[in-house]
């Protein structure tokens, strides 16, 4: 499954569900990163400063969608797994 996230806070959303260092100087646009998304395997890359693509196995797509939706809530805190 592939998800597209757009907006000024895409790095903040991802920081809530993955242990990756998302600072622009560490993870520039176009670099793919394989990691955990919550508790499952996945990968992501930034196509530009405000657009992020996330991929995961289809079998866990509903879980990843839920985690991304929860993380996109502005009241959700940034935590590292």
Protein backbone atom coordinates (compact mmCIF):
# COMPACT_ATOMS: atom_id res chain seq x y z
CA UNK A 1 0.00 0.00 0.00
CA UNK A 2 1.18 3.54 -0.70
CA UNK A 3 0.09 6.62 1.23
CA UNK A 4 0.73 10.26 0.34
CA UNK A 5 0.94 12.89 3.06
CA UNK A 6 0.98 16.57 2.19
CA UNK A 7 1.42 19.64 4.34
CA UNK A 8 3.91 21.69 6.29
CA UNK A 9 4.10 19.22 9.17
CA UNK A 10 4.82 15.93 7.38
CA UNK A 11 8.12 15.42 9.21
CA UNK A 12 6.37 16.01 12.55
CA UNK A 13 3.68 13.45 11.69
CA UNK A 14 6.28 10.84 10.85
CA UNK A 15 8.34 11.65 13.95
CA UNK A 16 5.40 10.45 16.02
CA UNK A 17 5.52 6.90 14.60
CA UNK A 18 9.12 6.15 13.61
CA UNK A 19 12.55 6.25 15.32
CA UNK A 20 14.27 7.84 12.30
CA UNK A 21 16.10 11.16 12.60
CA UNK A 22 13.97 13.32 10.30
CA UNK A 23 15.97 16.53 10.36
CA UNK A 24 16.39 17.88 6.80
CA UNK A 25 20.19 17.73 7.03
CA UNK A 26 20.03 14.03 7.96
CA UNK A 27 17.14 12.94 5.71
CA UNK A 28 17.01 15.09 2.56
CA UNK A 29 14.32 14.91 -0.11
CA UNK A 30 14.42 11.84 -2.33
CA UNK A 31 16.17 9.52 0.14
CA UNK A 32 14.17 6.38 0.93
CA UNK A 33 14.27 5.07 4.47
CA UNK A 34 13.22 1.57 5.57
CA UNK A 35 12.08 1.52 9.19
CA UNK A 36 9.21 0.81 11.55
CA UNK A 37 5.91 2.61 11.23
CA UNK A 38 4.50 2.14 14.69
CA UNK A 39 5.05 -1.59 15.16
CA UNK A 40 5.28 -2.76 11.54
CA UNK A 41 7.82 -2.60 8.72
CA UNK A 42 7.54 0.13 6.14
CA UNK A 43 9.44 2.76 4.20
CA UNK A 44 9.07 6.39 3.26
CA UNK A 45 10.65 9.21 1.29
CA UNK A 46 10.05 12.92 0.87
CA UNK A 47 9.33 13.99 -2.69
CA UNK A 48 9.59 17.64 -1.66
CA UNK A 49 9.58 19.63 1.57
CA UNK A 50 5.84 19.16 2.13
CA UNK A 51 5.07 15.82 0.43
CA UNK A 52 5.82 12.40 1.87
CA UNK A 53 5.19 8.93 0.45
CA UNK A 54 4.80 5.96 2.79
CA UNK A 55 4.76 2.33 1.69
CA UNK A 56 3.95 -0.82 3.61
CA UNK A 57 2.71 -4.34 3.05
CA UNK A 58 -0.93 -4.50 2.04
CA UNK A 59 -1.64 -6.82 4.97
CA UNK A 60 -0.84 -4.01 7.45
CA UNK A 61 -2.24 -1.10 5.42
CA UNK A 62 -5.25 -0.55 7.70
CA UNK A 63 -2.97 -0.42 10.75
CA UNK A 64 -0.56 2.04 9.09
CA UNK A 65 -3.48 4.19 7.93
CA UNK A 66 -4.75 4.33 11.52
CA UNK A 67 -1.33 5.17 12.93
CA UNK A 68 -0.82 7.92 10.33
CA UNK A 69 -4.30 9.32 10.98
CA UNK A 70 -3.70 9.41 14.73
CA UNK A 71 -0.24 10.97 14.26
CA UNK A 72 -1.65 13.67 11.98
CA UNK A 73 -3.89 14.91 14.80
CA UNK A 74 -2.34 18.17 15.99
CA UNK A 75 -2.92 17.21 19.63
CA UNK A 76 -0.85 14.01 19.30
CA UNK A 77 2.54 14.28 20.97
CA UNK A 78 5.82 13.58 19.24
CA UNK A 79 7.30 10.46 20.83
CA UNK A 80 10.03 8.13 19.75
CA UNK A 81 9.47 4.37 19.70
